[in-house]
Protein backbone atom coordinates (compact mmCIF):
# COMPACT_ATOMS: atom_id res chain seq x y z
CA MET A 1 105.29 97.72 76.01
CA THR A 2 103.07 100.21 75.17
CA PRO A 3 99.89 100.33 77.74
CA PRO A 4 96.62 100.12 76.11
CA ARG A 5 94.76 102.90 75.18
CA LEU A 6 90.65 103.88 76.73
CA LEU A 7 89.76 105.05 72.97
CA ASP A 8 90.24 101.66 71.91
CA ILE A 9 86.94 100.62 73.95
CA ALA A 10 84.81 103.36 71.77
CA LEU A 11 82.83 104.91 74.85
CA ALA A 12 82.96 108.57 72.72
CA SER A 13 79.93 107.39 71.31
CA GLU A 14 76.71 108.96 72.71
CA ASP A 15 74.59 105.94 72.15
CA ALA A 16 77.32 103.85 74.32
CA LYS A 17 76.47 103.04 77.70
CA PRO A 18 77.13 103.50 80.82
CA LEU A 19 80.55 101.60 82.16
CA PRO A 20 79.52 99.55 85.63
CA LEU A 21 81.97 100.20 88.65
CA ASN A 22 82.67 97.37 90.63
CA GLU A 23 82.92 97.54 94.90
CA LEU A 24 86.39 98.71 95.72
CA ARG A 25 86.89 99.22 99.46
CA HIS A 26 85.21 102.07 100.57
CA TRP A 27 83.75 102.57 96.72
CA PRO A 28 80.40 101.79 96.57
CA LYS A 29 79.24 100.05 92.83
CA SER A 30 78.23 103.14 90.72
CA SER A 31 78.24 104.00 86.75
CA HIS A 32 80.12 105.89 84.84
CA VAL A 33 79.77 107.78 81.42
CA PHE A 34 82.65 108.23 79.45
CA ASP A 35 82.78 111.47 77.59
CA GLU A 36 85.25 112.07 74.86
CA SER A 37 87.48 114.90 76.03
CA SER A 38 88.02 112.55 79.53
CA ILE A 39 89.01 109.51 77.29
CA TRP A 40 91.50 111.76 74.88
CA ALA A 41 93.02 113.16 78.21
CA ILE A 42 93.43 109.89 80.07
CA ASN A 43 94.89 108.75 76.17
CA ALA A 44 97.27 111.84 76.35
CA ALA A 45 98.94 111.01 80.23
CA LEU A 46 98.97 107.61 79.36
CA MET A 47 101.50 107.99 76.13
CA SER A 48 103.32 111.41 77.62
CA GLY A 49 103.66 109.90 81.35
CA ARG A 50 102.79 113.20 82.62
CA PRO A 51 100.11 113.53 85.30
CA LEU A 52 96.96 114.44 84.52
CA LEU A 53 95.16 117.22 86.74
CA LEU A 54 91.63 117.41 87.16
CA ARG A 55 90.04 120.86 87.54
CA GLY A 56 85.77 121.79 88.05
CA GLU A 57 83.30 121.54 90.42
CA PRO A 58 82.87 119.55 93.40
CA GLY A 59 80.79 116.97 92.65
CA SER A 60 81.44 116.66 88.57
CA GLY A 61 83.11 112.84 88.64
CA LYS A 62 86.52 114.02 88.88
CA SER A 63 87.41 111.10 91.38
CA GLN A 64 85.17 108.67 89.79
CA LEU A 65 87.08 109.14 86.33
CA ALA A 66 90.16 107.76 87.83
CA ARG A 67 88.53 104.89 89.45
CA ALA A 68 86.82 104.60 85.48
CA ALA A 69 89.94 104.40 84.04
CA ALA A 70 91.68 101.89 86.28
CA GLN A 71 88.55 99.60 85.87
CA VAL A 72 88.90 99.58 81.68
CA LEU A 73 92.63 99.37 81.49
CA GLY A 74 92.81 96.46 84.23
CA TRP A 75 95.37 98.30 86.23
CA PRO A 76 95.67 98.26 90.53
CA PHE A 77 93.86 101.12 91.56
CA LEU A 78 95.19 103.24 94.86
CA SER A 79 94.32 106.56 96.15
CA ARG A 80 95.10 109.14 98.68
CA VAL A 81 92.84 111.99 99.53
CA VAL A 82 95.12 114.60 101.07
CA ASN A 83 94.49 116.64 104.02
CA ALA A 84 95.78 119.98 105.47
CA ARG A 85 98.36 117.81 107.61
CA PHE A 86 100.12 116.35 104.58
CA GLU A 87 103.61 116.14 103.99
CA PRO A 88 105.88 115.57 100.60
CA GLU A 89 106.71 112.44 102.34
CA ASP A 90 103.20 111.31 102.67
CA LEU A 91 102.62 109.46 99.30
CA LEU A 92 105.76 107.51 99.25
CA TYR A 93 105.83 106.49 102.50
CA ARG A 94 104.30 106.14 106.47
CA PHE A 95 106.49 105.86 109.50
CA ASP A 96 104.90 104.53 111.92
CA ALA A 97 106.41 106.07 115.33
CA VAL A 98 103.33 105.33 117.99
CA ALA A 99 104.11 101.11 116.94
CA ARG A 100 107.98 101.81 117.11
CA LEU A 101 107.77 103.93 120.63
CA ALA A 102 104.70 101.29 121.98
CA GLN A 103 107.59 98.29 120.89
CA ALA A 104 110.06 100.00 122.68
CA GLN A 105 108.47 100.05 126.13
CA ILE A 106 107.20 96.56 126.34
CA LEU A 107 110.52 94.75 125.29
CA PRO A 108 113.48 93.83 127.34
CA ARG A 109 116.76 95.64 127.15
CA THR A 110 118.47 93.38 124.90
CA ASP A 111 120.63 93.45 121.71
CA THR A 112 117.94 91.53 120.21
CA ALA A 113 115.32 93.32 121.32
CA LEU A 114 117.70 96.54 120.15
CA LEU A 115 117.60 95.36 116.28
CA ALA A 116 114.33 94.45 116.28
CA LEU A 117 113.12 98.36 116.90
CA LYS A 118 115.21 99.42 113.66
CA ALA A 119 113.44 102.08 112.36
CA GLU A 120 112.90 99.81 108.78
CA GLY A 121 110.61 97.62 110.57
CA PHE A 122 108.04 100.73 110.60
CA LEU A 123 108.37 102.11 107.21
CA LEU A 124 104.86 100.82 105.42
CA PRO A 125 105.30 101.85 101.64
CA GLU A 126 102.75 104.48 100.51
CA VAL A 127 100.56 104.58 96.71
CA LEU A 128 103.64 106.06 95.07
CA TRP A 129 106.02 103.33 96.44
CA TRP A 130 103.64 100.81 95.00
CA ALA A 131 103.33 102.33 91.79
CA LEU A 132 106.85 102.89 90.97
CA ASP A 133 108.34 99.72 92.18
CA HIS A 134 105.66 97.31 93.39
CA THR A 135 107.58 94.72 93.91
CA THR A 136 109.79 96.34 96.65
CA ALA A 137 107.25 98.02 98.03
CA ARG A 138 105.26 94.39 98.61
CA GLU A 139 108.81 93.32 100.56
CA GLN A 140 108.89 96.18 102.50
CA PHE A 141 104.66 96.08 103.55
CA LYS A 142 105.56 92.34 104.70
CA LYS A 143 108.54 93.00 106.49
CA ALA A 144 106.49 96.60 108.82
CA ALA A 145 103.27 94.89 108.41
CA LYS A 146 103.10 92.81 111.72
CA ASN A 147 104.75 95.86 114.19
CA CYS A 148 102.20 98.41 112.43
CA GLY A 149 99.17 96.23 112.82
CA GLU A 150 98.47 95.40 109.65
CA THR A 151 97.90 91.72 108.20
CA ALA A 152 100.32 90.57 105.58
CA GLU A 153 99.10 87.80 104.87
CA ASP A 154 95.56 88.61 104.34
CA TYR A 155 96.03 91.07 102.08
CA ASP A 156 94.24 90.42 98.74
CA GLU A 157 95.32 92.71 96.36
CA VAL A 158 92.59 91.92 93.87
CA LYS A 159 89.73 92.78 96.45
CA GLU A 160 91.36 95.44 97.36
CA LEU A 161 93.18 97.46 94.56
CA GLY A 162 90.48 95.74 91.58
CA ALA A 163 93.32 93.83 89.77
CA ALA A 164 96.93 92.29 90.88
CA PHE A 165 100.02 93.87 89.73
CA GLY A 166 101.74 92.71 86.96
CA PRO A 167 104.70 92.89 84.56
CA ASP A 168 102.26 94.14 81.70
CA LYS A 169 100.24 96.34 83.68
CA GLY A 170 101.13 100.11 85.42
CA VAL A 171 99.07 101.44 88.83
CA VAL A 172 96.23 104.17 88.50
CA VAL A 173 97.40 106.63 91.26
CA LEU A 174 94.10 109.09 92.91
CA ILE A 175 95.93 111.88 94.70
CA ASP A 176 92.32 113.54 95.38
CA GLU A 177 91.41 117.04 96.52
CA ILE A 178 96.14 118.02 96.40
CA ASP A 179 94.93 121.79 96.59
CA LYS A 180 94.17 121.20 100.70
CA ALA A 181 98.26 120.43 100.79
CA ASP A 182 101.03 123.21 101.46
CA SER A 183 102.31 123.90 98.03
CA GLU A 184 105.45 121.63 98.99
CA VAL A 185 103.21 118.86 98.55
CA PRO A 186 102.25 119.21 94.65
CA ASN A 187 106.04 120.94 94.31
CA SER A 188 107.70 117.35 95.94
CA LEU A 189 104.96 114.95 93.72
CA LEU A 190 106.20 116.70 90.24
CA GLU A 191 110.05 116.17 91.33
CA THR A 192 109.07 112.28 92.38
CA LEU A 193 108.04 111.63 89.09
CA SER A 194 110.01 113.58 86.85
CA ILE A 195 113.28 111.13 88.37
CA GLY A 196 111.26 108.35 88.27
CA GLY A 197 111.96 107.47 91.53
CA PHE A 198 112.91 108.55 95.59
CA HIS A 199 115.15 107.58 97.65
CA VAL A 200 114.24 105.97 101.40
CA PRO A 201 114.87 107.05 104.95
CA TYR A 202 116.65 105.41 107.56
CA GLY A 203 119.43 103.43 105.48
CA GLY A 204 116.59 102.12 102.78
CA HIS A 205 117.82 102.23 99.43
CA ALA A 206 116.78 103.83 96.73
CA ILE A 207 113.69 103.01 94.79
CA LYS A 208 113.26 103.95 91.03
CA SER A 209 110.22 102.95 88.32
CA THR A 210 110.22 99.55 87.05
CA GLY A 211 107.91 98.36 84.06
CA ILE A 212 105.00 100.43 83.12
CA PRO A 213 105.08 103.70 84.27
CA PRO A 214 102.19 105.22 86.38
CA LEU A 215 98.97 106.93 85.49
CA ILE A 216 98.81 109.65 87.89
CA ILE A 217 95.58 111.74 88.19
CA ILE A 218 95.19 114.70 90.86
CA THR A 219 92.14 116.26 91.31
CA THR A 220 91.42 119.88 93.09
CA ASN A 221 88.34 121.78 93.78
CA GLU A 222 90.16 125.22 93.73
CA ASP A 223 90.32 125.97 97.50
CA ARG A 224 93.61 127.21 97.08
CA GLU A 225 95.86 128.26 93.98
CA LEU A 226 98.21 125.52 92.51
CA PRO A 227 101.79 126.47 92.22
CA ALA A 228 102.12 127.67 88.56
CA ALA A 229 105.22 125.41 88.09
CA PHE A 230 103.22 122.66 88.85
CA VAL A 231 99.97 122.88 86.81
CA ARG A 232 102.20 123.62 84.11
CA ARG A 233 103.89 119.95 84.56
CA CYS A 234 100.51 118.51 83.96
CA LEU A 235 98.06 117.92 81.69
CA VAL A 236 94.87 119.93 82.55
CA LEU A 237 91.27 118.59 81.72
CA GLN A 238 88.41 121.05 83.26
CA MET A 239 85.67 119.01 84.68
CA ASP A 240 82.59 121.70 85.05
CA LEU A 241 79.22 121.20 83.85
CA PRO A 242 77.79 122.25 80.51
CA GLU A 243 76.54 125.57 79.69
CA ASP A 244 72.64 125.63 79.94
CA LYS A 245 72.50 126.59 76.16
CA ASP A 246 70.93 124.64 73.36
CA GLY A 247 70.00 121.60 75.61
CA ALA A 248 73.44 120.56 76.78
CA LEU A 249 73.06 120.71 80.06
CA ASP A 250 69.99 118.91 80.24
CA HIS A 251 71.09 116.30 77.76
CA TYR A 252 74.50 115.88 79.97
CA LEU A 253 72.47 115.52 83.10
CA ARG A 254 69.78 113.13 81.93
CA ARG A 255 72.50 110.58 80.72
CA ARG A 256 74.04 110.37 84.04
CA VAL A 257 70.46 110.43 85.98
CA ALA A 258 70.07 107.06 83.06
CA ALA A 259 73.19 106.18 84.79
CA HIS A 260 73.06 105.91 88.07
CA PHE A 261 69.22 104.73 88.34
CA GLN A 262 69.36 101.94 85.75
CA ASP A 263 67.57 99.59 88.06
CA ALA A 264 65.05 102.50 90.07
CA LYS A 265 63.35 103.94 87.20
CA ILE A 266 63.17 107.77 87.58
CA ASP A 267 59.73 109.50 86.27
CA PRO A 268 60.41 111.75 83.59
CA GLU A 269 58.68 114.14 85.01
CA VAL A 270 60.32 114.47 88.36
CA CYS A 271 63.69 113.98 86.62
CA THR A 272 63.16 117.34 84.76
CA ALA A 273 62.14 119.17 87.32
CA ALA A 274 64.87 118.41 89.24
CA ILE A 275 67.30 119.39 86.63
CA GLU A 276 64.77 122.79 86.60
CA GLN A 277 65.35 123.47 90.64
CA LEU A 278 69.26 122.37 89.92
CA LYS A 279 69.53 124.82 87.13
CA GLN A 280 67.49 127.83 89.34
CA ASP A 281 69.78 126.83 92.44
CA ARG A 282 73.13 127.32 90.77
CA THR A 283 72.15 130.62 88.91
CA ASP A 284 70.99 131.83 92.77
CA MET A 285 74.43 129.90 94.23
CA LYS A 286 76.42 131.95 91.04
CA GLN A 287 74.75 135.64 91.85
CA ARG A 288 75.27 135.04 95.45
CA ASP A 289 79.25 133.75 94.84
CA LEU A 290 78.61 130.57 96.67
CA THR A 291 79.73 127.09 95.18
CA PRO A 292 76.54 126.03 92.70
CA PRO A 293 75.25 122.91 93.29
CA GLY A 294 76.05 120.12 90.61
CA GLN A 295 75.64 116.69 89.89
CA ALA A 296 76.45 115.20 92.67
CA GLU A 297 73.49 116.91 94.43
CA LEU A 298 71.24 116.08 90.90
CA LEU A 299 71.64 112.62 91.93
CA ASP A 300 71.54 112.70 95.87
CA LEU A 301 68.13 114.64 95.01
CA LEU A 302 66.78 111.71 93.00
CA ARG A 303 67.98 109.22 95.75
CA ALA A 304 66.59 110.72 98.22
CA VAL A 305 63.29 111.41 96.27
CA SER A 306 63.09 107.66 94.45
CA ARG A 307 63.85 105.84 98.51
């Protein structure tokens, strides 16, 4: 089945209203303004099956684009923020060795107790397992959840993921700030996606992609150079602020201010002053070879002033 395309909702128009984003897990309510380049990039990723790598300044809306795409598609949304301690398998599964050790210390030395300590009972599926095959991921989650302190019975897909899994849906996976990890993480990610599966350890079976392929969106803040082979295998979208020419930057920022402050009107003079301050600060920071402030800092400034 061909997955739905974002272009079908015609969000590329300059007059289009911003998309209200629902509250989801730790993500607060917000608004997103799609531009034409991001719509085409997501469509290309959907149709080619390639990961979409989002590059650009911090605070440019890279992570929010993934969440907005999931809401428009009506697909479940999964996300993981990468850190320096990430291992390649951390996107596939998580083995809770601490919970297993705690169980071993309290259980009696019997054959039944040893069966309860089998490693597969402490293996929790991670985002790519859910995205490739949510059926086996759910089965494994129910098997290991209680042992690892999770609540399998209370897991509400719509509340946690924005939409329920289904045979007519894919999954949107956000892998945030992949530049924080060692180069083995992006390289192993491409291997898993290229073969559409992986092998579960501790006597487990092979996981293979079923149904509609997931939409994998990866962000980087360029803190560390990514492997060239990894970048070549991705579709790449550069998400930087427009240059300050012919009013392009002002127009871009005012649309986003209007989207985020629909309920709290911002005085036009205050908005103009804040944008001018941002442009001056960006110029100063670039001259000092420092990371310039961007859209997120502008919204924070106006939020502070308005409150």
